[in-house]
Amino acid sequence: MKEVFTVPYPGSCISVNSMKIVRGGRRTHHNRPETQDWIDELAEKTKQYRGDLETPIKVGVFCRFRDNRHPDPDNLFKAICDGLKIGLGVDDKHFFPRVDGVETGYTVEYLEITLEDALGDRDSG
């Protein structure tokens, strides 16, 4: 099975560089609120695919950005995988992320995400 959908890219707020908060002498790490909001929106959008995909899952991302000042793919994938983990109900250790491409020159930035069974069609023997 293969699913393709787009999500808006709201800019540099999508970073999993966490905030460090000290409470009761313990340091905890949390996503920035705007990052967590984006992760939650992605999770909600992907709930419709829950149960449709077999693990492992290939996660492809084609990025369309305004200019060359775009995020480190590693940080972007961490946020995407966090949202997919919640939405699909699948541990992100079963995701195999890849960058399908990057284009610049867009006035509205967005990401095209492809979810695909990594093992292909298992019924064709």
PDB file of N, CA and C in Angstrom:
ATOM      1  N   MET A   1       0.847  -1.179   0.000  1.00  0.00           N
ATOM      2  CA  MET A   1       0.000   0.000   0.000  1.00  0.00           C
ATOM      3  C   MET A   1       0.887   1.234   0.000  1.00  0.00           C
ATOM      4  N   LYS A   2       0.423   2.275  -0.660  1.00  0.00           N
ATOM      5  CA  LYS A   2       1.161   3.531  -0.751  1.00  0.00           C
ATOM      6  C   LYS A   2       0.179   4.676  -0.543  1.00  0.00           C
ATOM      7  N   GLU A   3       0.540   5.599   0.330  1.00  0.00           N
ATOM      8  CA  GLU A   3      -0.278   6.787   0.607  1.00  0.00           C
ATOM      9  C   GLU A   3       0.589   8.017   0.405  1.00  0.00           C
ATOM     10  N   VAL A   4       0.054   9.038  -0.270  1.00  0.00           N
ATOM     11  CA  VAL A   4       0.773  10.289  -0.507  1.00  0.00           C
ATOM     12  C   VAL A   4      -0.121  11.439  -0.082  1.00  0.00           C
ATOM     13  N   PHE A   5       0.419  12.369   0.701  1.00  0.00           N
ATOM     14  CA  PHE A   5      -0.345  13.536   1.129  1.00  0.00           C
ATOM     15  C   PHE A   5       0.606  14.703   1.365  1.00  0.00           C
ATOM     16  N   THR A   6       0.067  15.892   1.444  1.00  0.00           N
ATOM     17  CA  THR A   6       0.892  17.078   1.685  1.00  0.00           C
ATOM     18  C   THR A   6       0.531  17.702   3.028  1.00  0.00           C
ATOM     19  N   VAL A   7       1.527  18.349   3.607  1.00  0.00           N
ATOM     20  CA  VAL A   7       1.332  19.109   4.842  1.00  0.00           C
ATOM     21  C   VAL A   7       2.061  20.442   4.689  1.00  0.00           C
ATOM     22  N   PRO A   8       1.510  21.501   5.248  1.00  0.00           N
ATOM     23  CA  PRO A   8       2.201  22.781   5.172  1.00  0.00           C
ATOM     24  C   PRO A   8       3.491  22.753   5.979  1.00  0.00           C
ATOM     25  N   TYR A   9       4.480  23.496   5.513  1.00  0.00           N
ATOM     26  CA  TYR A   9       5.713  23.665   6.275  1.00  0.00           C
ATOM     27  C   TYR A   9       5.716  25.101   6.792  1.00  0.00           C
ATOM     28  N   PRO A  10       5.475  25.293   8.075  1.00  0.00           N
ATOM     29  CA  PRO A  10       5.341  26.650   8.609  1.00  0.00           C
ATOM     30  C   PRO A  10       6.658  27.359   8.893  1.00  0.00           C
ATOM     31  N   GLY A  11       7.767  26.765   8.561  1.00  0.00           N
ATOM     32  CA  GLY A  11       9.048  27.438   8.739  1.00  0.00           C
ATOM     33  C   GLY A  11       9.869  26.850   9.855  1.00  0.00           C
ATOM     34  N   SER A  12      10.802  27.650  10.311  1.00  0.00           N
ATOM     35  CA  SER A  12      11.818  27.169  11.248  1.00  0.00           C
ATOM     36  C   SER A  12      11.273  26.724  12.599  1.00  0.00           C
ATOM     37  N   CYS A  13       9.989  26.935  12.849  1.00  0.00           N
ATOM     38  CA  CYS A  13       9.437  26.483  14.128  1.00  0.00           C
ATOM     39  C   CYS A  13       9.432  24.964  14.220  1.00  0.00           C
ATOM     40  N   ILE A  14       9.568  24.267  13.081  1.00  0.00           N
ATOM     41  CA  ILE A  14       9.581  22.809  13.103  1.00  0.00           C
ATOM     42  C   ILE A  14      11.004  22.347  13.384  1.00  0.00           C
ATOM     43  N   SER A  15      11.274  22.189  14.644  1.00  0.00           N
ATOM     44  CA  SER A  15      12.574  21.725  15.093  1.00  0.00           C
ATOM     45  C   SER A  15      12.377  20.934  16.366  1.00  0.00           C
ATOM     46  N   VAL A  16      13.054  19.821  16.465  1.00  0.00           N
ATOM     47  CA  VAL A  16      12.950  19.040  17.688  1.00  0.00           C
ATOM     48  C   VAL A  16      14.089  19.363  18.648  1.00  0.00           C
ATOM     49  N   ASN A  17      14.766  20.467  18.397  1.00  0.00           N
ATOM     50  CA  ASN A  17      15.720  20.942  19.388  1.00  0.00           C
ATOM     51  C   ASN A  17      14.897  21.343  20.598  1.00  0.00           C
ATOM     52  N   SER A  18      14.964  20.533  21.624  1.00  0.00           N
ATOM     53  CA  SER A  18      14.018  20.657  22.729  1.00  0.00           C
ATOM     54  C   SER A  18      14.353  21.779  23.690  1.00  0.00           C
ATOM     55  N   MET A  19      13.320  22.179  24.409  1.00  0.00           N
ATOM     56  CA  MET A  19      13.490  23.129  25.497  1.00  0.00           C
ATOM     57  C   MET A  19      13.854  22.335  26.741  1.00  0.00           C
ATOM     58  N   LYS A  20      14.758  22.872  27.510  1.00  0.00           N
ATOM     59  CA  LYS A  20      15.110  22.222  28.766  1.00  0.00           C
ATOM     60  C   LYS A  20      14.389  22.938  29.895  1.00  0.00           C
ATOM     61  N   ILE A  21      13.629  22.194  30.642  1.00  0.00           N
ATOM     62  CA  ILE A  21      12.854  22.760  31.732  1.00  0.00           C
ATOM     63  C   ILE A  21      13.261  22.056  33.018  1.00  0.00           C
ATOM     64  N   VAL A  22      13.557  22.835  34.034  1.00  0.00           N
ATOM     65  CA  VAL A  22      13.930  22.248  35.315  1.00  0.00           C
ATOM     66  C   VAL A  22      12.746  22.379  36.265  1.00  0.00           C
ATOM     67  N   ARG A  23      12.282  21.230  36.746  1.00  0.00           N
ATOM     68  CA  ARG A  23      11.175  21.200  37.708  1.00  0.00           C
ATOM     69  C   ARG A  23      11.558  20.275  38.836  1.00  0.00           C
ATOM     70  N   GLY A  24      11.496  20.773  40.025  1.00  0.00           N
ATOM     71  CA  GLY A  24      11.804  19.940  41.187  1.00  0.00           C
ATOM     72  C   GLY A  24      13.204  19.355  41.137  1.00  0.00           C
ATOM     73  N   GLY A  25      14.137  20.103  40.569  1.00  0.00           N
ATOM     74  CA  GLY A  25      15.510  19.629  40.489  1.00  0.00           C
ATOM     75  C   GLY A  25      15.775  18.664  39.348  1.00  0.00           C
ATOM     76  N   ARG A  26      14.745  18.320  38.575  1.00  0.00           N
ATOM     77  CA  ARG A  26      14.906  17.400  37.448  1.00  0.00           C
ATOM     78  C   ARG A  26      14.805  18.158  36.135  1.00  0.00           C
ATOM     79  N   ARG A  27      15.702  17.872  35.240  1.00  0.00           N
ATOM     80  CA  ARG A  27      15.686  18.501  33.925  1.00  0.00           C
ATOM     81  C   ARG A  27      14.895  17.622  32.967  1.00  0.00           C
ATOM     82  N   THR A  28      13.918  18.206  32.297  1.00  0.00           N
ATOM     83  CA  THR A  28      13.134  17.473  31.313  1.00  0.00           C
ATOM     84  C   THR A  28      13.256  18.164  29.964  1.00  0.00           C
ATOM     85  N   HIS A  29      12.988  17.451  28.923  1.00  0.00           N
ATOM     86  CA  HIS A  29      13.064  17.997  27.572  1.00  0.00           C
ATOM     87  C   HIS A  29      11.679  17.957  26.939  1.00  0.00           C
ATOM     88  N   HIS A  30      11.287  19.062  26.344  1.00  0.00           N
ATOM     89  CA  HIS A  30       9.987  19.163  25.680  1.00  0.00           C
ATOM     90  C   HIS A  30      10.163  19.862  24.347  1.00  0.00           C
ATOM     91  N   ASN A  31       9.333  19.486  23.376  1.00  0.00           N
ATOM     92  CA  ASN A  31       9.316  20.220  22.116  1.00  0.00           C
ATOM     93  C   ASN A  31       8.794  21.624  22.364  1.00  0.00           C
ATOM     94  N   ARG A  32       9.217  22.550  21.524  1.00  0.00           N
ATOM     95  CA  ARG A  32       8.659  23.893  21.594  1.00  0.00           C
ATOM     96  C   ARG A  32       7.168  23.789  21.295  1.00  0.00           C
ATOM     97  N   PRO A  33       6.346  24.643  21.887  1.00  0.00           N
ATOM     98  CA  PRO A  33       4.889  24.534  21.697  1.00  0.00           C
ATOM     99  C   PRO A  33       4.456  24.547  20.234  1.00  0.00           C
ATOM    100  N   GLU A  34       5.049  25.416  19.406  1.00  0.00           N
ATOM    101  CA  GLU A  34       4.646  25.473  17.994  1.00  0.00           C
ATOM    102  C   GLU A  34       5.063  24.201  17.243  1.00  0.00           C
ATOM    103  N   THR A  35       6.172  23.590  17.649  1.00  0.00           N
ATOM    104  CA  THR A  35       6.581  22.314  17.055  1.00  0.00           C
ATOM    105  C   THR A  35       5.599  21.228  17.454  1.00  0.00           C
ATOM    106  N   GLN A  36       5.229  21.182  18.724  1.00  0.00           N
ATOM    107  CA  GLN A  36       4.298  20.162  19.188  1.00  0.00           C
ATOM    108  C   GLN A  36       2.936  20.309  18.519  1.00  0.00           C
ATOM    109  N   ASP A  37       2.492  21.559  18.291  1.00  0.00           N
ATOM    110  CA  ASP A  37       1.232  21.786  17.591  1.00  0.00           C
ATOM    111  C   ASP A  37       1.283  21.185  16.180  1.00  0.00           C
ATOM    112  N   TRP A  38       2.413  21.393  15.469  1.00  0.00           N
ATOM    113  CA  TRP A  38       2.564  20.868  14.114  1.00  0.00           C
ATOM    114  C   TRP A  38       2.591  19.333  14.132  1.00  0.00           C
ATOM    115  N   ILE A  39       3.302  18.748  15.092  1.00  0.00           N
ATOM    116  CA  ILE A  39       3.352  17.294  15.247  1.00  0.00           C
ATOM    117  C   ILE A  39       1.948  16.745  15.496  1.00  0.00           C
ATOM    118  N   ASP A  40       1.182  17.408  16.346  1.00  0.00           N
ATOM    119  CA  ASP A  40      -0.189  16.969  16.648  1.00  0.00           C
ATOM    120  C   ASP A  40      -1.095  17.053  15.416  1.00  0.00           C
ATOM    121  N   GLU A  41      -0.930  18.115  14.606  1.00  0.00           N
ATOM    122  CA  GLU A  41      -1.721  18.254  13.374  1.00  0.00           C
ATOM    123  C   GLU A  41      -1.371  17.139  12.386  1.00  0.00           C
ATOM    124  N   LEU A  42      -0.087  16.819  12.271  1.00  0.00           N
ATOM    125  CA  LEU A  42       0.334  15.736  11.389  1.00  0.00           C
ATOM    126  C   LEU A  42      -0.232  14.402  11.876  1.00  0.00           C
ATOM    127  N   ALA A  43      -0.203  14.186  13.176  1.00  0.00           N
ATOM    128  CA  ALA A  43      -0.748  12.951  13.751  1.00  0.00           C
ATOM    129  C   ALA A  43      -2.235  12.823  13.422  1.00  0.00           C
ATOM    130  N   GLU A  44      -2.967  13.911  13.557  1.00  0.00           N
ATOM    131  CA  GLU A  44      -4.403  13.885  13.262  1.00  0.00           C
ATOM    132  C   GLU A  44      -4.655  13.563  11.789  1.00  0.00           C
ATOM    133  N   LYS A  45      -3.847  14.150  10.911  1.00  0.00           N
ATOM    134  CA  LYS A  45      -4.010  13.930   9.473  1.00  0.00           C
ATOM    135  C   LYS A  45      -3.715  12.484   9.084  1.00  0.00           C
ATOM    136  N   THR A  46      -2.789  11.828   9.785  1.00  0.00           N
ATOM    137  CA  THR A  46      -2.385  10.476   9.403  1.00  0.00           C
ATOM    138  C   THR A  46      -3.193   9.374  10.080  1.00  0.00           C
ATOM    139  N   LYS A  47      -4.076   9.728  11.009  1.00  0.00           N
ATOM    140  CA  LYS A  47      -4.900   8.700  11.665  1.00  0.00           C
ATOM    141  C   LYS A  47      -5.750   7.922  10.661  1.00  0.00           C
ATOM    142  N   GLN A  48      -6.111   8.546   9.557  1.00  0.00           N
ATOM    143  CA  GLN A  48      -6.926   7.875   8.550  1.00  0.00           C
ATOM    144  C   GLN A  48      -6.214   6.692   7.898  1.00  0.00           C
ATOM    145  N   TYR A  49      -4.880   6.652   8.015  1.00  0.00           N
ATOM    146  CA  TYR A  49      -4.107   5.559   7.420  1.00  0.00           C
ATOM    147  C   TYR A  49      -3.786   4.458   8.428  1.00  0.00           C
ATOM    148  N   ARG A  50      -4.232   4.624   9.653  1.00  0.00           N
ATOM    149  CA  ARG A  50      -3.947   3.647  10.713  1.00  0.00           C
ATOM    150  C   ARG A  50      -4.473   2.271  10.294  1.00  0.00           C
ATOM    151  N   GLY A  51      -3.612   1.280  10.351  1.00  0.00           N
ATOM    152  CA  GLY A  51      -3.980  -0.079   9.999  1.00  0.00           C
ATOM    153  C   GLY A  51      -3.866  -0.404   8.516  1.00  0.00           C
ATOM    154  N   ASP A  52      -3.674   0.611   7.665  1.00  0.00           N
ATOM    155  CA  ASP A  52      -3.572   0.379   6.222  1.00  0.00           C
ATOM    156  C   ASP A  52      -2.177  -0.073   5.790  1.00  0.00           C
ATOM    157  N   LEU A  53      -1.170   0.257   6.577  1.00  0.00           N
ATOM    158  CA  LEU A  53       0.213  -0.009   6.200  1.00  0.00           C
ATOM    159  C   LEU A  53       0.821  -1.099   7.067  1.00  0.00           C
ATOM    160  N   GLU A  54       1.634  -1.938   6.446  1.00  0.00           N
ATOM    161  CA  GLU A  54       2.353  -2.985   7.166  1.00  0.00           C
ATOM    162  C   GLU A  54       3.746  -2.455   7.519  1.00  0.00           C
ATOM    163  N   THR A  55       4.260  -2.864   8.657  1.00  0.00           N
ATOM    164  CA  THR A  55       5.614  -2.457   9.026  1.00  0.00           C
ATOM    165  C   THR A  55       6.609  -3.434   8.415  1.00  0.00           C
ATOM    166  N   PRO A  56       7.791  -2.958   8.102  1.00  0.00           N
ATOM    167  CA  PRO A  56       8.299  -1.590   8.220  1.00  0.00           C
ATOM    168  C   PRO A  56       7.690  -0.660   7.158  1.00  0.00           C
ATOM    169  N   ILE A  57       7.806   0.639   7.421  1.00  0.00           N
ATOM    170  CA  ILE A  57       7.192   1.648   6.556  1.00  0.00           C
ATOM    171  C   ILE A  57       8.266   2.596   6.023  1.00  0.00           C
ATOM    172  N   LYS A  58       8.308   2.740   4.696  1.00  0.00           N
ATOM    173  CA  LYS A  58       9.178   3.745   4.084  1.00  0.00           C
ATOM    174  C   LYS A  58       8.476   5.096   4.203  1.00  0.00           C
ATOM    175  N   VAL A  59       9.202   6.085   4.678  1.00  0.00           N
ATOM    176  CA  VAL A  59       8.665   7.443   4.813  1.00  0.00           C
ATOM    177  C   VAL A  59       9.480   8.352   3.902  1.00  0.00           C
ATOM    178  N   GLY A  60       8.900   8.730   2.777  1.00  0.00           N
ATOM    179  CA  GLY A  60       9.571   9.625   1.849  1.00  0.00           C
ATOM    180  C   GLY A  60       9.042  11.031   2.000  1.00  0.00           C
ATOM    181  N   VAL A  61       9.945  12.009   1.890  1.00  0.00           N
ATOM    182  CA  VAL A  61       9.531  13.412   1.988  1.00  0.00           C
ATOM    183  C   VAL A  61      10.140  14.198   0.832  1.00  0.00           C
ATOM    184  N   PHE A  62       9.269  14.836   0.059  1.00  0.00           N
ATOM    185  CA  PHE A  62       9.708  15.765  -0.982  1.00  0.00           C
ATOM    186  C   PHE A  62       9.409  17.155  -0.445  1.00  0.00           C
ATOM    187  N   CYS A  63      10.440  17.959  -0.306  1.00  0.00           N
ATOM    188  CA  CYS A  63      10.331  19.279   0.338  1.00  0.00           C
ATOM    189  C   CYS A  63      10.271  20.380  -0.711  1.00  0.00           C
ATOM    190  N   ARG A  64       9.343  21.300  -0.501  1.00  0.00           N
ATOM    191  CA  ARG A  64       9.246  22.468  -1.369  1.00  0.00           C
ATOM    192  C   ARG A  64       9.362  23.701  -0.482  1.00  0.00           C
ATOM    193  N   PHE A  65      10.514  24.382  -0.637  1.00  0.00           N
ATOM    194  CA  PHE A  65      10.850  25.505   0.227  1.00  0.00           C
ATOM    195  C   PHE A  65      10.944  26.802  -0.571  1.00  0.00           C
ATOM    196  N   ARG A  66      10.913  27.895   0.169  1.00  0.00           N
ATOM    197  CA  ARG A  66      11.020  29.228  -0.423  1.00  0.00           C
ATOM    198  C   ARG A  66      12.426  29.451  -0.987  1.00  0.00           C
ATOM    199  N   ASP A  67      13.438  29.125  -0.194  1.00  0.00           N
ATOM    200  CA  ASP A  67      14.820  29.361  -0.613  1.00  0.00           C
ATOM    201  C   ASP A  67      15.725  28.300   0.013  1.00  0.00           C
ATOM    202  N   ASN A  68      17.010  28.508  -0.067  1.00  0.00           N
ATOM    203  CA  ASN A  68      17.964  27.514   0.438  1.00  0.00           C
ATOM    204  C   ASN A  68      18.129  27.525   1.953  1.00  0.00           C
ATOM    205  N   ARG A  69      17.431  28.408   2.631  1.00  0.00           N
ATOM    206  CA  ARG A  69      17.498  28.429   4.097  1.00  0.00           C
ATOM    207  C   ARG A  69      16.423  27.506   4.648  1.00  0.00           C
ATOM    208  N   HIS A  70      16.675  26.227   4.563  1.00  0.00           N
ATOM    209  CA  HIS A  70      15.705  25.252   5.045  1.00  0.00           C
ATOM    210  C   HIS A  70      16.331  24.377   6.121  1.00  0.00           C
ATOM    211  N   PRO A  71      15.517  23.577   6.800  1.00  0.00           N
ATOM    212  CA  PRO A  71      15.991  22.860   7.986  1.00  0.00           C
ATOM    213  C   PRO A  71      16.925  21.702   7.670  1.00  0.00           C
ATOM    214  N   ASP A  72      17.643  21.319   8.693  1.00  0.00           N
ATOM    215  CA  ASP A  72      18.454  20.121   8.660  1.00  0.00           C
ATOM    216  C   ASP A  72      17.489  18.941   8.506  1.00  0.00           C
ATOM    217  N   PRO A  73      17.680  18.085   7.487  1.00  0.00           N
ATOM    218  CA  PRO A  73      16.745  16.972   7.282  1.00  0.00           C
ATOM    219  C   PRO A  73      16.572  16.080   8.515  1.00  0.00           C
ATOM    220  N   ASP A  74      17.617  15.909   9.292  1.00  0.00           N
ATOM    221  CA  ASP A  74      17.527  15.065  10.480  1.00  0.00           C
ATOM    222  C   ASP A  74      16.496  15.611  11.466  1.00  0.00           C
ATOM    223  N   ASN A  75      16.541  16.913  11.738  1.00  0.00           N
ATOM    224  CA  ASN A  75      15.563  17.516  12.652  1.00  0.00           C
ATOM    225  C   ASN A  75      14.156  17.451  12.085  1.00  0.00           C
ATOM    226  N   LEU A  76      14.032  17.681  10.793  1.00  0.00           N
ATOM    227  CA  LEU A  76      12.721  17.628  10.151  1.00  0.00           C
ATOM    228  C   LEU A  76      12.141  16.218  10.246  1.00  0.00           C
ATOM    229  N   PHE A  77      12.961  15.209   9.981  1.00  0.00           N
ATOM    230  CA  PHE A  77      12.482  13.831  10.055  1.00  0.00           C
ATOM    231  C   PHE A  77      12.098  13.422  11.466  1.00  0.00           C
ATOM    232  N   LYS A  78      12.797  13.923  12.450  1.00  0.00           N
ATOM    233  CA  LYS A  78      12.423  13.592  13.829  1.00  0.00           C
ATOM    234  C   LYS A  78      11.012  14.094  14.133  1.00  0.00           C
ATOM    235  N   ALA A  79      10.714  15.303  13.708  1.00  0.00           N
ATOM    236  CA  ALA A  79       9.373  15.850  13.942  1.00  0.00           C
ATOM    237  C   ALA A  79       8.324  15.078  13.140  1.00  0.00           C
ATOM    238  N   ILE A  80       8.631  14.756  11.871  1.00  0.00           N
ATOM    239  CA  ILE A  80       7.684  14.004  11.048  1.00  0.00           C
ATOM    240  C   ILE A  80       7.429  12.636  11.661  1.00  0.00           C
ATOM    241  N   CYS A  81       8.490  11.943  12.050  1.00  0.00           N
ATOM    242  CA  CYS A  81       8.329  10.597  12.617  1.00  0.00           C
ATOM    243  C   CYS A  81       7.577  10.626  13.946  1.00  0.00           C
ATOM    244  N   ASP A  82       7.769  11.679  14.733  1.00  0.00           N
ATOM    245  CA  ASP A  82       6.995  11.810  15.976  1.00  0.00           C
ATOM    246  C   ASP A  82       5.503  11.909  15.673  1.00  0.00           C
ATOM    247  N   GLY A  83       5.136  12.700  14.670  1.00  0.00           N
ATOM    248  CA  GLY A  83       3.731  12.832  14.294  1.00  0.00           C
ATOM    249  C   GLY A  83       3.165  11.546  13.730  1.00  0.00           C
ATOM    250  N   LEU A  84       3.947  10.870  12.890  1.00  0.00           N
ATOM    251  CA  LEU A  84       3.483   9.609  12.301  1.00  0.00           C
ATOM    252  C   LEU A  84       3.325   8.527  13.362  1.00  0.00           C
ATOM    253  N   LYS A  85       4.229   8.513  14.320  1.00  0.00           N
ATOM    254  CA  LYS A  85       4.161   7.518  15.403  1.00  0.00           C
ATOM    255  C   LYS A  85       2.825   7.632  16.136  1.00  0.00           C
ATOM    256  N   ILE A  86       2.423   8.865  16.432  1.00  0.00           N
ATOM    257  CA  ILE A  86       1.164   9.097  17.139  1.00  0.00           C
ATOM    258  C   ILE A  86      -0.019   8.772  16.225  1.00  0.00           C
ATOM    259  N   GLY A  87       0.022   9.285  15.004  1.00  0.00           N
ATOM    260  CA  GLY A  87      -1.099   9.125  14.094  1.00  0.00           C
ATOM    261  C   GLY A  87      -1.321   7.690  13.643  1.00  0.00           C
ATOM    262  N   LEU A  88      -0.245   6.999  13.290  1.00  0.00           N
ATOM    263  CA  LEU A  88      -0.373   5.634  12.790  1.00  0.00           C
ATOM    264  C   LEU A  88      -0.429   4.596  13.903  1.00  0.00           C
ATOM    265  N   GLY A  89       0.014   4.992  15.100  1.00  0.00           N
ATOM    266  CA  GLY A  89       0.058   4.039  16.199  1.00  0.00           C
ATOM    267  C   GLY A  89       1.145   2.997  16.004  1.00  0.00           C
ATOM    268  N   VAL A  90       2.231   3.394  15.354  1.00  0.00           N
ATOM    269  CA  VAL A  90       3.340   2.490  15.054  1.00  0.00           C
ATOM    270  C   VAL A  90       4.613   3.079  15.641  1.00  0.00           C
ATOM    271  N   ASP A  91       5.400   2.258  16.328  1.00  0.00           N
ATOM    272  CA  ASP A  91       6.667   2.714  16.890  1.00  0.00           C
ATOM    273  C   ASP A  91       7.571   3.201  15.757  1.00  0.00           C
ATOM    274  N   ASP A  92       8.188   4.373  15.933  1.00  0.00           N
ATOM    275  CA  ASP A  92       8.994   4.944  14.866  1.00  0.00           C
ATOM    276  C   ASP A  92      10.261   4.150  14.547  1.00  0.00           C
ATOM    277  N   LYS A  93      10.569   3.130  15.317  1.00  0.00           N
ATOM    278  CA  LYS A  93      11.709   2.275  14.965  1.00  0.00           C
ATOM    279  C   LYS A  93      11.394   1.476  13.692  1.00  0.00           C
ATOM    280  N   HIS A  94      10.117   1.438  13.301  1.00  0.00           N
ATOM    281  CA  HIS A  94       9.704   0.733  12.092  1.00  0.00           C
ATOM    282  C   HIS A  94       9.646   1.643  10.863  1.00  0.00           C
ATOM    283  N   PHE A  95      10.109   2.899  10.984  1.00  0.00           N
ATOM    284  CA  PHE A  95      10.114   3.839   9.868  1.00  0.00           C
ATOM    285  C   PHE A  95      11.500   3.879   9.226  1.00  0.00           C
ATOM    286  N   PHE A  96      11.511   3.944   7.901  1.00  0.00           N
ATOM    287  CA  PHE A  96      12.749   4.099   7.146  1.00  0.00           C
ATOM    288  C   PHE A  96      12.645   5.390   6.345  1.00  0.00           C
ATOM    289  N   PRO A  97      13.138   6.509   6.912  1.00  0.00           N
ATOM    290  CA  PRO A  97      12.976   7.807   6.257  1.00  0.00           C
ATOM    291  C   PRO A  97      13.958   8.021   5.105  1.00  0.00           C
ATOM    292  N   ARG A  98      13.481   8.768   4.094  1.00  0.00           N
ATOM    293  CA  ARG A  98      14.344   9.140   2.976  1.00  0.00           C
ATOM    294  C   ARG A  98      13.889  10.498   2.435  1.00  0.00           C
ATOM    295  N   VAL A  99      14.821  11.258   1.919  1.00  0.00           N
ATOM    296  CA  VAL A  99      14.503  12.521   1.259  1.00  0.00           C
ATOM    297  C   VAL A  99      14.302  12.213  -0.219  1.00  0.00           C
ATOM    298  N   ASP A 100      13.092  12.441  -0.713  1.00  0.00           N
ATOM    299  CA  ASP A 100      12.790  12.188  -2.120  1.00  0.00           C
ATOM    300  C   ASP A 100      13.209  13.345  -3.009  1.00  0.00           C
ATOM    301  N   GLY A 101      13.437  14.501  -2.425  1.00  0.00           N
ATOM    302  CA  GLY A 101      13.883  15.645  -3.197  1.00  0.00           C
ATOM    303  C   GLY A 101      13.630  16.945  -2.464  1.00  0.00           C
ATOM    304  N   VAL A 102      14.298  17.988  -2.938  1.00  0.00           N
ATOM    305  CA  VAL A 102      14.138  19.339  -2.389  1.00  0.00           C
ATOM    306  C   VAL A 102      14.097  20.304  -3.561  1.00  0.00           C
ATOM    307  N   GLU A 103      13.087  21.149  -3.589  1.00  0.00           N
ATOM    308  CA  GLU A 103      12.993  22.201  -4.590  1.00  0.00           C
ATOM    309  C   GLU A 103      12.811  23.525  -3.872  1.00  0.00           C
ATOM    310  N   THR A 104      13.334  24.571  -4.454  1.00  0.00           N
ATOM    311  CA  THR A 104      13.174  25.912  -3.883  1.00  0.00           C
ATOM    312  C   THR A 104      12.456  26.793  -4.907  1.00  0.00           C
ATOM    313  N   GLY A 105      12.037  27.966  -4.436  1.00  0.00           N
ATOM    314  CA  GLY A 105      11.357  28.911  -5.306  1.00  0.00           C
ATOM    315  C   GLY A 105       9.851  28.946  -5.106  1.00  0.00           C
ATOM    316  N   TYR A 106       9.362  28.332  -4.048  1.00  0.00           N
ATOM    317  CA  TYR A 106       7.926  28.285  -3.771  1.00  0.00           C
ATOM    318  C   TYR A 106       7.527  29.408  -2.824  1.00  0.00           C
ATOM    319  N   THR A 107       6.402  30.042  -3.066  1.00  0.00           N
ATOM    320  CA  THR A 107       5.933  31.080  -2.149  1.00  0.00           C
ATOM    321  C   THR A 107       5.210  30.459  -0.961  1.00  0.00           C
ATOM    322  N   VAL A 108       4.576  29.299  -1.183  1.00  0.00           N
ATOM    323  CA  VAL A 108       3.932  28.554  -0.104  1.00  0.00           C
ATOM    324  C   VAL A 108       4.737  27.269   0.090  1.00  0.00           C
ATOM    325  N   GLU A 109       5.337  27.128   1.266  1.00  0.00           N
ATOM    326  CA  GLU A 109       6.194  25.975   1.525  1.00  0.00           C
ATOM    327  C   GLU A 109       5.359  24.795   2.020  1.00  0.00           C
ATOM    328  N   TYR A 110       5.689  23.614   1.539  1.00  0.00           N
ATOM    329  CA  TYR A 110       4.983  22.417   1.992  1.00  0.00           C
ATOM    330  C   TYR A 110       5.845  21.183   1.807  1.00  0.00           C
ATOM    331  N   LEU A 111       5.410  20.100   2.425  1.00  0.00           N
ATOM    332  CA  LEU A 111       6.086  18.816   2.352  1.00  0.00           C
ATOM    333  C   LEU A 111       5.124  17.806   1.753  1.00  0.00           C
ATOM    334  N   GLU A 112       5.608  17.012   0.818  1.00  0.00           N
ATOM    335  CA  GLU A 112       4.834  15.906   0.273  1.00  0.00           C
ATOM    336  C   GLU A 112       5.377  14.637   0.919  1.00  0.00           C
ATOM    337  N   ILE A 113       4.534  13.971   1.682  1.00  0.00           N
ATOM    338  CA  ILE A 113       4.964  12.793   2.437  1.00  0.00           C
ATOM    339  C   ILE A 113       4.369  11.546   1.793  1.00  0.00           C
ATOM    340  N   THR A 114       5.236  10.563   1.566  1.00  0.00           N
ATOM    341  CA  THR A 114       4.821   9.282   1.002  1.00  0.00           C
ATOM    342  C   THR A 114       5.045   8.199   2.039  1.00  0.00           C
ATOM    343  N   LEU A 115       4.002   7.438   2.323  1.00  0.00           N
ATOM    344  CA  LEU A 115       4.096   6.298   3.236  1.00  0.00           C
ATOM    345  C   LEU A 115       3.888   5.042   2.395  1.00  0.00           C
ATOM    346  N   GLU A 116       4.781   4.065   2.567  1.00  0.00           N
ATOM    347  CA  GLU A 116       4.721   2.882   1.730  1.00  0.00           C
ATOM    348  C   GLU A 116       5.223   1.667   2.499  1.00  0.00           C
ATOM    349  N   ASP A 117       4.565   0.534   2.285  1.00  0.00           N
ATOM    350  CA  ASP A 117       5.064  -0.704   2.891  1.00  0.00           C
ATOM    351  C   ASP A 117       6.479  -0.943   2.373  1.00  0.00           C
ATOM    352  N   ALA A 118       7.434  -1.109   3.279  1.00  0.00           N
ATOM    353  CA  ALA A 118       8.828  -1.286   2.872  1.00  0.00           C
ATOM    354  C   ALA A 118       9.072  -2.629   2.212  1.00  0.00           C
ATOM    355  N   LEU A 119       8.240  -3.607   2.495  1.00  0.00           N
ATOM    356  CA  LEU A 119       8.448  -4.932   1.933  1.00  0.00           C
ATOM    357  C   LEU A 119       7.616  -5.167   0.674  1.00  0.00           C
ATOM    358  N   GLY A 120       6.885  -4.149   0.237  1.00  0.00           N
ATOM    359  CA  GLY A 120       6.122  -4.257  -1.001  1.00  0.00           C
ATOM    360  C   GLY A 120       4.913  -5.160  -0.878  1.00  0.00           C
ATOM    361  N   ASP A 121       4.449  -5.642  -2.008  1.00  0.00           N
ATOM    362  CA  ASP A 121       3.266  -6.504  -2.069  1.00  0.00           C
ATOM    363  C   ASP A 121       3.655  -7.916  -1.648  1.00  0.00           C
ATOM    364  N   ARG A 122       3.263  -8.306  -0.475  1.00  0.00           N
ATOM    365  CA  ARG A 122       3.660  -9.616   0.079  1.00  0.00           C
ATOM    366  C   ARG A 122       2.802 -10.749  -0.464  1.00  0.00           C
ATOM    367  N   ASP A 123       1.665 -10.428  -1.072  1.00  0.00           N
ATOM    368  CA  ASP A 123       0.771 -11.474  -1.557  1.00  0.00           C
ATOM    369  C   ASP A 123       1.177 -12.026  -2.916  1.00  0.00           C
ATOM    370  N   SER A 124       2.054 -11.303  -3.618  1.00  0.00           N
ATOM    371  CA  SER A 124       2.468 -11.804  -4.938  1.00  0.00           C
ATOM    372  C   SER A 124       3.683 -12.688  -4.748  1.00  0.00           C
ATOM    373  N   GLY A 125       3.477 -13.981  -4.791  1.00  0.00           N
ATOM    374  CA  GLY A 125       4.463 -14.946  -4.427  1.00  0.00           C
ATOM    375  C   GLY A 125       5.477 -15.202  -5.404  1.00  0.00           C
TER     376      GLY A 125
END
